[in-house]
Amino acid sequence: MELETVNKLYLELSQVTTATTARELALVSALRRARQALADYLPAHRNEVTDAAIAEADAVLASLWATGHGAV
């Protein structure tokens, strides 16, 4: 195989492996909705568990955004 062909195949593969799948986008969307539902929960019913869940969701979403997988 010629070097040019190998380089083109490598480029194609690298684009596929970094692409965000429809499933990943759906999971990010579901996480955002769940996070928002917790954040909007009546303040009288929020506690350390809901606050921790919101913080964890925020951290995951920030990580996804930083890697380009959270943009929807």
N, C-alpha and C. Protein backbone atom coordinates (compact mmCIF):
# COMPACT_ATOMS: atom_id res chain seq x y z
N MET A 1 0.84 -1.18 0.00
CA MET A 1 0.00 0.00 0.00
C MET A 1 0.89 1.24 0.00
N GLU A 2 0.50 2.22 -0.74
CA GLU A 2 1.27 3.46 -0.79
C GLU A 2 1.03 4.29 0.48
N LEU A 3 2.02 5.08 0.78
CA LEU A 3 1.95 5.93 1.98
C LEU A 3 0.74 6.86 1.93
N GLU A 4 0.44 7.40 0.77
CA GLU A 4 -0.70 8.30 0.63
C GLU A 4 -2.01 7.60 0.98
N THR A 5 -2.15 6.38 0.53
CA THR A 5 -3.36 5.59 0.82
C THR A 5 -3.46 5.32 2.32
N VAL A 6 -2.35 4.93 2.92
CA VAL A 6 -2.33 4.67 4.36
C VAL A 6 -2.71 5.93 5.13
N ASN A 7 -2.18 7.07 4.73
CA ASN A 7 -2.50 8.33 5.40
C ASN A 7 -3.98 8.67 5.29
N LYS A 8 -4.57 8.45 4.12
CA LYS A 8 -6.01 8.71 3.93
C LYS A 8 -6.85 7.79 4.80
N LEU A 9 -6.48 6.52 4.85
CA LEU A 9 -7.22 5.57 5.69
C LEU A 9 -7.11 5.94 7.16
N TYR A 10 -5.93 6.36 7.59
CA TYR A 10 -5.74 6.78 8.98
C TYR A 10 -6.61 7.98 9.30
N LEU A 11 -6.66 8.94 8.40
CA LEU A 11 -7.49 10.13 8.60
C LEU A 11 -8.96 9.75 8.71
N GLU A 12 -9.41 8.87 7.83
CA GLU A 12 -10.81 8.41 7.88
C GLU A 12 -11.11 7.74 9.22
N LEU A 13 -10.23 6.86 9.65
CA LEU A 13 -10.43 6.14 10.90
C LEU A 13 -10.43 7.08 12.09
N SER A 14 -9.54 8.06 12.10
CA SER A 14 -9.48 8.98 13.23
C SER A 14 -10.75 9.82 13.33
N GLN A 15 -11.37 10.14 12.21
CA GLN A 15 -12.62 10.90 12.24
C GLN A 15 -13.76 10.05 12.77
N VAL A 16 -13.78 8.79 12.42
CA VAL A 16 -14.84 7.89 12.89
C VAL A 16 -14.71 7.65 14.39
N THR A 17 -13.49 7.45 14.87
CA THR A 17 -13.31 7.12 16.28
C THR A 17 -13.56 8.29 17.21
N THR A 18 -13.52 9.52 16.70
CA THR A 18 -13.77 10.68 17.55
C THR A 18 -15.18 11.24 17.38
N ALA A 19 -15.94 10.68 16.46
CA ALA A 19 -17.29 11.17 16.21
C ALA A 19 -18.21 10.80 17.37
N THR A 20 -19.14 11.68 17.67
CA THR A 20 -20.13 11.42 18.70
C THR A 20 -21.29 10.67 18.06
N THR A 21 -21.66 9.55 18.65
CA THR A 21 -22.73 8.75 18.09
C THR A 21 -24.10 9.29 18.51
N ALA A 22 -25.12 8.87 17.82
CA ALA A 22 -26.49 9.28 18.17
C ALA A 22 -26.82 8.80 19.58
N ARG A 23 -26.34 7.62 19.95
CA ARG A 23 -26.60 7.09 21.30
C ARG A 23 -25.94 7.98 22.35
N GLU A 24 -24.70 8.40 22.11
CA GLU A 24 -24.02 9.27 23.05
C GLU A 24 -24.75 10.61 23.19
N LEU A 25 -25.21 11.15 22.07
CA LEU A 25 -25.96 12.41 22.12
C LEU A 25 -27.25 12.24 22.91
N ALA A 26 -27.92 11.10 22.74
CA ALA A 26 -29.15 10.84 23.48
C ALA A 26 -28.87 10.72 24.97
N LEU A 27 -27.75 10.09 25.33
CA LEU A 27 -27.40 9.96 26.75
C LEU A 27 -27.07 11.31 27.37
N VAL A 28 -26.36 12.15 26.63
CA VAL A 28 -26.05 13.50 27.12
C VAL A 28 -27.34 14.29 27.33
N SER A 29 -28.24 14.17 26.37
CA SER A 29 -29.52 14.88 26.47
C SER A 29 -30.32 14.38 27.69
N ALA A 30 -30.32 13.08 27.90
CA ALA A 30 -31.04 12.51 29.05
C ALA A 30 -30.41 12.99 30.36
N LEU A 31 -29.07 13.04 30.40
CA LEU A 31 -28.40 13.52 31.61
C LEU A 31 -28.74 14.98 31.88
N ARG A 32 -28.76 15.78 30.82
CA ARG A 32 -29.11 17.19 31.00
C ARG A 32 -30.54 17.34 31.54
N ARG A 33 -31.47 16.56 31.00
CA ARG A 33 -32.86 16.64 31.47
C ARG A 33 -32.99 16.18 32.92
N ALA A 34 -32.29 15.11 33.26
CA ALA A 34 -32.34 14.60 34.64
C ALA A 34 -31.72 15.62 35.60
N ARG A 35 -30.61 16.22 35.18
CA ARG A 35 -29.96 17.24 36.01
C ARG A 35 -30.89 18.42 36.22
N GLN A 36 -31.54 18.85 35.15
CA GLN A 36 -32.45 20.00 35.26
C GLN A 36 -33.65 19.67 36.14
N ALA A 37 -34.15 18.45 36.03
CA ALA A 37 -35.28 18.04 36.88
C ALA A 37 -34.87 18.09 38.35
N LEU A 38 -33.67 17.64 38.67
CA LEU A 38 -33.19 17.71 40.05
C LEU A 38 -33.01 19.15 40.50
N ALA A 39 -32.44 19.97 39.63
CA ALA A 39 -32.18 21.37 39.99
C ALA A 39 -33.48 22.14 40.20
N ASP A 40 -34.51 21.78 39.45
CA ASP A 40 -35.80 22.47 39.55
C ASP A 40 -36.68 21.91 40.67
N TYR A 41 -36.24 20.82 41.28
CA TYR A 41 -37.01 20.18 42.34
C TYR A 41 -37.28 21.19 43.45
N LEU A 42 -38.43 21.09 44.07
CA LEU A 42 -38.78 22.04 45.12
C LEU A 42 -37.67 22.17 46.15
N PRO A 43 -37.23 23.39 46.41
CA PRO A 43 -36.11 23.59 47.35
C PRO A 43 -36.33 22.92 48.70
N ALA A 44 -37.55 22.84 49.14
CA ALA A 44 -37.82 22.23 50.45
C ALA A 44 -37.52 20.73 50.43
N HIS A 45 -37.51 20.12 49.26
CA HIS A 45 -37.28 18.68 49.16
C HIS A 45 -35.86 18.33 48.73
N ARG A 46 -35.08 19.34 48.39
CA ARG A 46 -33.70 19.06 48.02
C ARG A 46 -32.89 18.79 49.26
N ASN A 47 -31.89 17.96 49.11
CA ASN A 47 -31.02 17.62 50.23
C ASN A 47 -29.61 17.33 49.72
N GLU A 48 -28.76 16.79 50.59
CA GLU A 48 -27.38 16.53 50.17
C GLU A 48 -27.29 15.49 49.05
N VAL A 49 -28.25 14.59 48.98
CA VAL A 49 -28.23 13.58 47.92
C VAL A 49 -28.54 14.22 46.57
N THR A 50 -29.60 15.04 46.51
CA THR A 50 -29.92 15.69 45.24
C THR A 50 -28.85 16.69 44.85
N ASP A 51 -28.30 17.41 45.83
CA ASP A 51 -27.22 18.36 45.53
C ASP A 51 -25.98 17.64 45.00
N ALA A 52 -25.66 16.48 45.57
CA ALA A 52 -24.50 15.70 45.09
C ALA A 52 -24.75 15.18 43.68
N ALA A 53 -25.97 14.75 43.41
CA ALA A 53 -26.31 14.26 42.07
C ALA A 53 -26.20 15.38 41.03
N ILE A 54 -26.66 16.56 41.40
CA ILE A 54 -26.55 17.71 40.50
C ILE A 54 -25.08 18.04 40.24
N ALA A 55 -24.27 18.05 41.29
CA ALA A 55 -22.85 18.34 41.14
C ALA A 55 -22.15 17.29 40.27
N GLU A 56 -22.51 16.03 40.45
CA GLU A 56 -21.91 14.96 39.65
C GLU A 56 -22.33 15.10 38.18
N ALA A 57 -23.59 15.39 37.94
CA ALA A 57 -24.06 15.59 36.56
C ALA A 57 -23.34 16.78 35.93
N ASP A 58 -23.16 17.86 36.69
CA ASP A 58 -22.44 19.03 36.17
C ASP A 58 -21.01 18.67 35.80
N ALA A 59 -20.35 17.86 36.63
CA ALA A 59 -18.97 17.46 36.36
C ALA A 59 -18.88 16.60 35.10
N VAL A 60 -19.81 15.68 34.95
CA VAL A 60 -19.81 14.83 33.76
C VAL A 60 -20.08 15.65 32.51
N LEU A 61 -21.06 16.53 32.57
CA LEU A 61 -21.38 17.38 31.42
C LEU A 61 -20.21 18.29 31.07
N ALA A 62 -19.52 18.83 32.07
CA ALA A 62 -18.35 19.69 31.82
C ALA A 62 -17.24 18.89 31.14
N SER A 63 -17.04 17.67 31.58
CA SER A 63 -16.02 16.80 30.98
C SER A 63 -16.37 16.47 29.53
N LEU A 64 -17.63 16.18 29.29
CA LEU A 64 -18.08 15.88 27.92
C LEU A 64 -17.93 17.10 27.03
N TRP A 65 -18.28 18.25 27.56
CA TRP A 65 -18.16 19.49 26.79
C TRP A 65 -16.70 19.76 26.44
N ALA A 66 -15.80 19.53 27.40
CA ALA A 66 -14.38 19.78 27.17
C ALA A 66 -13.80 18.87 26.09
N THR A 67 -14.34 17.69 25.94
CA THR A 67 -13.84 16.76 24.93
C THR A 67 -14.62 16.84 23.63
N GLY A 68 -15.59 17.75 23.58
CA GLY A 68 -16.37 17.93 22.35
C GLY A 68 -17.52 16.96 22.20
N HIS A 69 -17.81 16.19 23.24
CA HIS A 69 -18.89 15.22 23.15
C HIS A 69 -20.20 15.71 23.77
N GLY A 70 -20.19 16.90 24.32
CA GLY A 70 -21.39 17.39 24.99
C GLY A 70 -22.14 18.43 24.21
N ALA A 71 -21.66 18.77 23.04
CA ALA A 71 -22.30 19.80 22.24
C ALA A 71 -23.52 19.25 21.53
N VAL A 72 -24.67 19.69 21.97
CA VAL A 72 -25.92 19.29 21.30
C VAL A 72 -26.75 20.52 21.10
